[in-house]
Amino acid sequence: MKGRTGSRSPKYACRRSFCNRPEFIGGIFAILFLFAALPSLAESARLLVLGDSLSAGYGLPIEQSFPAQLQVRLRTQGHNVTVLNASVSGDTSAGGLARLGWALADKPDFVMIELGANDGLRGLDPAALCANLDAIIQRLRRAGKGVMLAGMLAPPNMGPRYEAEFNRIYPALAQKHKIVFYPFFLEGVVANPALNQPDGLHPTAEGIAIIVDRITPYVVRLLGTKNGK
């Protein structure tokens, strides 16, 4: 028995010495660190779209809505982002402000504001629109969210004075708060029958795809910001 023990001891001694080597110990720590980091590496950023029927996906299957198509586009480009749909058909800027706390329960990192189309269609006071959007932006910034504002234009039938007051709101707010600004959400789609549903107001899936094409570079810029800066 004594001889057998003696014959094995060099092999065990070799194993012990290898385990004590710095590169082996360092490798173990590297593996442990990688496993500890896996949950955070897999976690995606959360982008919430606070809007109305234009971004809610009115008249479309969920997978063809703006948030769904935007998420696919961002992930195709290598951005690990989950796009949350917090848009409500028929909502105004006042409605968006009223439900902001509920929307933030999803704990987004970034928020895109797409509101105001219904304010314009109903001829609501531009001053109220401005105050509502301003309050939304301020609350989001205080909450530490990256913010992007998607602009809207007034319907041309509301008259030149209303149109001028309405249209200057979005660029002014974006400049005031120094946030990412996309001038007109419906750019390239509005008034094109081939890209809108029969009501002439809501984009088709193809129309949404064009909006996504145009707005994605601005969203990527948003994802690269901290607190919208």
Protein backbone atom coordinates (compact mmCIF):
# COMPACT_ATOMS: atom_id res chain seq x y z
CA MET A 1 0.00 0.00 0.00
CA LYS A 2 2.83 2.36 0.83
CA GLY A 3 4.45 1.84 -2.56
CA ARG A 4 1.21 2.53 -4.44
CA THR A 5 0.70 5.77 -2.61
CA GLY A 6 4.20 6.81 -3.41
CA SER A 7 3.75 6.00 -7.11
CA ARG A 8 0.69 8.26 -7.38
CA SER A 9 2.04 11.24 -5.46
CA PRO A 10 4.03 12.79 -8.38
CA LYS A 11 0.89 12.86 -10.56
CA TYR A 12 -1.19 14.47 -7.81
CA ALA A 13 1.59 16.91 -7.07
CA CYS A 14 1.57 17.91 -10.75
CA ARG A 15 -2.16 18.49 -10.70
CA ARG A 16 -1.90 20.58 -7.55
CA SER A 17 0.86 22.69 -9.03
CA PHE A 18 -1.18 23.28 -12.25
CA CYS A 19 -4.21 24.40 -10.24
CA ASN A 20 -2.03 26.90 -8.44
CA ARG A 21 -0.75 28.44 -11.66
CA PRO A 22 -1.90 32.09 -12.13
CA GLU A 23 -3.27 31.51 -15.63
CA PHE A 24 -5.49 28.67 -14.38
CA ILE A 25 -6.83 30.74 -11.48
CA GLY A 26 -7.34 33.72 -13.80
CA GLY A 27 -9.25 31.53 -16.24
CA ILE A 28 -11.61 30.34 -13.52
CA PHE A 29 -12.33 33.91 -12.45
CA ALA A 30 -12.94 34.92 -16.09
CA ILE A 31 -15.49 32.11 -16.53
CA LEU A 32 -17.25 33.02 -13.28
CA PHE A 33 -17.40 36.68 -14.34
CA LEU A 34 -18.85 35.76 -17.73
CA PHE A 35 -21.64 33.72 -16.18
CA ALA A 36 -22.39 36.50 -13.71
CA ALA A 37 -22.61 39.01 -16.57
CA LEU A 38 -24.82 36.95 -18.86
CA PRO A 39 -28.16 38.33 -17.57
CA SER A 40 -27.07 41.94 -18.10
CA LEU A 41 -25.61 41.14 -21.52
CA ALA A 42 -28.91 39.61 -22.57
CA GLU A 43 -31.00 42.47 -21.21
CA SER A 44 -32.32 44.77 -23.91
CA ALA A 45 -32.92 48.50 -23.76
CA ARG A 46 -36.58 49.47 -23.50
CA LEU A 47 -38.03 52.11 -25.80
CA LEU A 48 -41.61 53.20 -25.13
CA VAL A 49 -43.73 54.83 -27.83
CA LEU A 50 -46.24 57.21 -26.24
CA GLY A 51 -48.64 58.08 -29.01
CA ASP A 52 -52.02 57.90 -30.68
CA SER A 53 -53.56 55.77 -33.43
CA LEU A 54 -50.73 56.55 -35.86
CA SER A 55 -48.30 54.58 -33.73
CA ALA A 56 -50.82 52.29 -32.02
CA GLY A 57 -51.34 50.26 -35.18
CA TYR A 58 -54.91 51.28 -35.95
CA GLY A 59 -56.44 48.96 -38.58
CA LEU A 60 -53.34 46.76 -38.71
CA PRO A 61 -52.25 43.40 -37.25
CA ILE A 62 -50.03 43.89 -34.21
CA GLU A 63 -46.95 42.65 -36.05
CA GLN A 64 -47.38 45.40 -38.68
CA SER A 65 -47.80 48.27 -36.21
CA PHE A 66 -45.16 50.97 -35.91
CA PRO A 67 -43.63 49.67 -32.63
CA ALA A 68 -43.42 46.12 -33.98
CA GLN A 69 -41.84 47.13 -37.29
CA LEU A 70 -39.45 49.51 -35.54
CA GLN A 71 -38.30 46.78 -33.16
CA VAL A 72 -37.60 44.41 -36.04
CA ARG A 73 -35.64 47.09 -37.89
CA LEU A 74 -33.54 48.02 -34.86
CA ARG A 75 -32.72 44.42 -34.04
CA THR A 76 -31.84 43.72 -37.67
CA GLN A 77 -29.30 46.53 -37.37
CA GLY A 78 -27.85 44.95 -34.24
CA HIS A 79 -29.54 47.06 -31.57
CA ASN A 80 -30.82 45.00 -28.64
CA VAL A 81 -34.02 46.96 -28.09
CA THR A 82 -37.54 46.10 -26.97
CA VAL A 83 -40.10 48.61 -28.29
CA LEU A 84 -43.11 49.01 -26.01
CA ASN A 85 -46.42 50.14 -27.47
CA ALA A 86 -48.04 52.68 -25.14
CA SER A 87 -50.11 54.33 -27.86
CA VAL A 88 -53.89 54.74 -27.66
CA SER A 89 -56.10 55.43 -30.66
CA GLY A 90 -57.90 58.77 -30.43
CA ASP A 91 -55.58 60.09 -27.73
CA THR A 92 -54.68 63.75 -27.45
CA SER A 93 -51.69 65.39 -25.80
CA ALA A 94 -53.82 65.83 -22.66
CA GLY A 95 -54.61 62.13 -22.66
CA GLY A 96 -50.94 61.24 -23.05
CA LEU A 97 -50.05 63.44 -20.10
CA ALA A 98 -52.82 61.94 -17.97
CA ARG A 99 -51.65 58.37 -18.49
CA LEU A 100 -47.93 59.03 -18.38
CA GLY A 101 -47.49 57.51 -14.94
CA TRP A 102 -49.19 54.32 -16.05
CA ALA A 103 -47.01 54.14 -19.16
CA LEU A 104 -43.82 54.55 -17.12
CA ALA A 105 -44.75 51.51 -15.03
CA ASP A 106 -43.11 49.49 -17.83
CA LYS A 107 -39.80 51.13 -16.82
CA PRO A 108 -38.56 52.24 -20.23
CA ASP A 109 -35.08 53.62 -20.75
CA PHE A 110 -36.20 55.82 -23.64
CA VAL A 111 -39.50 57.37 -24.69
CA MET A 112 -40.65 58.55 -28.10
CA ILE A 113 -43.53 61.03 -27.94
CA GLU A 114 -45.90 60.86 -30.91
CA LEU A 115 -48.88 63.01 -29.95
CA GLY A 116 -50.76 65.99 -31.32
CA ALA A 117 -52.48 64.74 -34.48
CA ASN A 118 -55.83 64.52 -32.72
CA ASP A 119 -55.33 67.94 -31.12
CA GLY A 120 -55.00 69.36 -34.62
CA LEU A 121 -57.91 67.42 -36.11
CA ARG A 122 -60.17 68.66 -33.32
CA GLY A 123 -58.93 72.22 -33.52
CA LEU A 124 -57.79 72.22 -29.89
CA ASP A 125 -55.90 75.20 -28.53
CA PRO A 126 -52.23 75.06 -29.65
CA ALA A 127 -51.23 76.65 -26.33
CA ALA A 128 -52.72 73.67 -24.50
CA LEU A 129 -50.90 71.27 -26.84
CA CYS A 130 -47.63 73.05 -26.11
CA ALA A 131 -48.21 72.98 -22.34
CA ASN A 132 -49.09 69.27 -22.37
CA LEU A 133 -46.09 68.23 -24.43
CA ASP A 134 -43.82 70.42 -22.34
CA ALA A 135 -45.10 68.80 -19.14
CA ILE A 136 -44.59 65.29 -20.58
CA ILE A 137 -41.02 66.07 -21.61
CA GLN A 138 -40.18 67.62 -18.25
CA ARG A 139 -41.54 64.62 -16.33
CA LEU A 140 -39.62 62.21 -18.52
CA ARG A 141 -36.39 64.14 -18.13
CA ARG A 142 -36.81 64.29 -14.35
CA ALA A 143 -37.30 60.52 -14.41
CA GLY A 144 -33.98 60.15 -16.22
CA LYS A 145 -35.43 58.93 -19.53
CA GLY A 146 -33.97 59.57 -22.94
CA VAL A 147 -36.61 61.51 -24.88
CA MET A 148 -37.42 61.85 -28.56
CA LEU A 149 -40.16 64.07 -29.97
CA ALA A 150 -41.89 63.12 -33.22
CA GLY A 151 -43.38 66.21 -34.78
CA MET A 152 -46.80 66.73 -36.32
CA LEU A 153 -48.22 69.35 -38.70
CA ALA A 154 -51.61 71.00 -38.43
CA PRO A 155 -54.31 70.08 -40.95
CA PRO A 156 -54.29 72.72 -43.71
CA ASN A 157 -58.04 73.34 -43.38
CA MET A 158 -57.60 74.91 -39.94
CA GLY A 159 -56.46 78.23 -41.40
CA PRO A 160 -53.03 79.89 -41.63
CA ARG A 161 -53.02 81.39 -38.13
CA TYR A 162 -53.83 78.09 -36.42
CA GLU A 163 -51.39 76.27 -38.67
CA ALA A 164 -48.55 78.64 -37.84
CA GLU A 165 -49.17 78.46 -34.08
CA PHE A 166 -49.44 74.68 -34.16
CA ASN A 167 -46.46 73.94 -36.38
CA ARG A 168 -43.96 76.00 -34.42
CA ILE A 169 -44.63 74.09 -31.18
CA TYR A 170 -42.59 70.96 -31.89
CA PRO A 171 -39.29 72.50 -33.05
CA ALA A 172 -39.49 75.04 -30.24
CA LEU A 173 -39.93 72.35 -27.57
CA ALA A 174 -37.16 70.21 -29.05
CA GLN A 175 -34.83 73.20 -28.98
CA LYS A 176 -35.86 74.18 -25.46
CA HIS A 177 -35.20 70.73 -24.01
CA LYS A 178 -32.33 69.74 -26.34
CA ILE A 179 -33.90 66.41 -27.24
CA VAL A 180 -33.83 64.27 -30.38
CA PHE A 181 -36.40 65.64 -32.81
CA TYR A 182 -37.98 64.06 -35.90
CA PRO A 183 -39.82 66.92 -37.64
CA PHE A 184 -42.87 65.14 -39.09
CA PHE A 185 -43.96 61.62 -38.18
CA LEU A 186 -45.94 61.12 -41.42
CA GLU A 187 -43.18 62.38 -43.74
CA GLY A 188 -43.27 60.54 -47.06
CA VAL A 189 -46.66 58.97 -46.33
CA VAL A 190 -49.24 61.71 -45.76
CA ALA A 191 -51.77 62.33 -48.56
CA ASN A 192 -50.55 59.31 -50.55
CA PRO A 193 -53.57 57.02 -51.15
CA ALA A 194 -51.32 54.04 -51.86
CA LEU A 195 -49.75 54.30 -48.40
CA ASN A 196 -52.86 55.07 -46.36
CA GLN A 197 -55.92 53.13 -45.34
CA PRO A 198 -59.32 54.02 -46.87
CA ASP A 199 -59.89 56.72 -44.23
CA GLY A 200 -56.97 58.65 -45.70
CA LEU A 201 -55.51 59.25 -42.22
CA HIS A 202 -53.88 56.05 -41.02
CA PRO A 203 -50.90 54.48 -42.80
CA THR A 204 -51.01 50.99 -44.25
CA ALA A 205 -48.34 48.46 -43.31
CA GLU A 206 -46.34 49.70 -46.29
CA GLY A 207 -46.77 53.27 -45.09
CA ILE A 208 -45.53 52.30 -41.64
CA ALA A 209 -42.49 50.66 -43.25
CA ILE A 210 -41.62 53.96 -44.93
CA ILE A 211 -42.01 55.83 -41.63
CA VAL A 212 -39.71 53.29 -40.00
CA ASP A 213 -37.16 53.72 -42.81
CA ARG A 214 -37.05 57.47 -42.28
CA ILE A 215 -37.23 57.63 -38.50
CA THR A 216 -34.83 54.82 -37.57
CA PRO A 217 -31.63 56.95 -37.83
CA TYR A 218 -33.16 59.37 -35.32
CA VAL A 219 -34.09 56.51 -32.99
CA VAL A 220 -30.54 55.16 -33.20
CA ARG A 221 -29.32 58.63 -32.23
CA LEU A 222 -31.70 58.53 -29.26
CA LEU A 223 -30.35 55.15 -28.15
CA GLY A 224 -26.86 56.64 -28.08
CA THR A 225 -27.88 59.41 -25.72
CA LYS A 226 -28.09 59.64 -21.96
CA ASN A 227 -31.13 61.46 -20.61
CA GLY A 228 -31.90 62.58 -24.16
CA LYS A 229 -28.65 64.57 -24.55
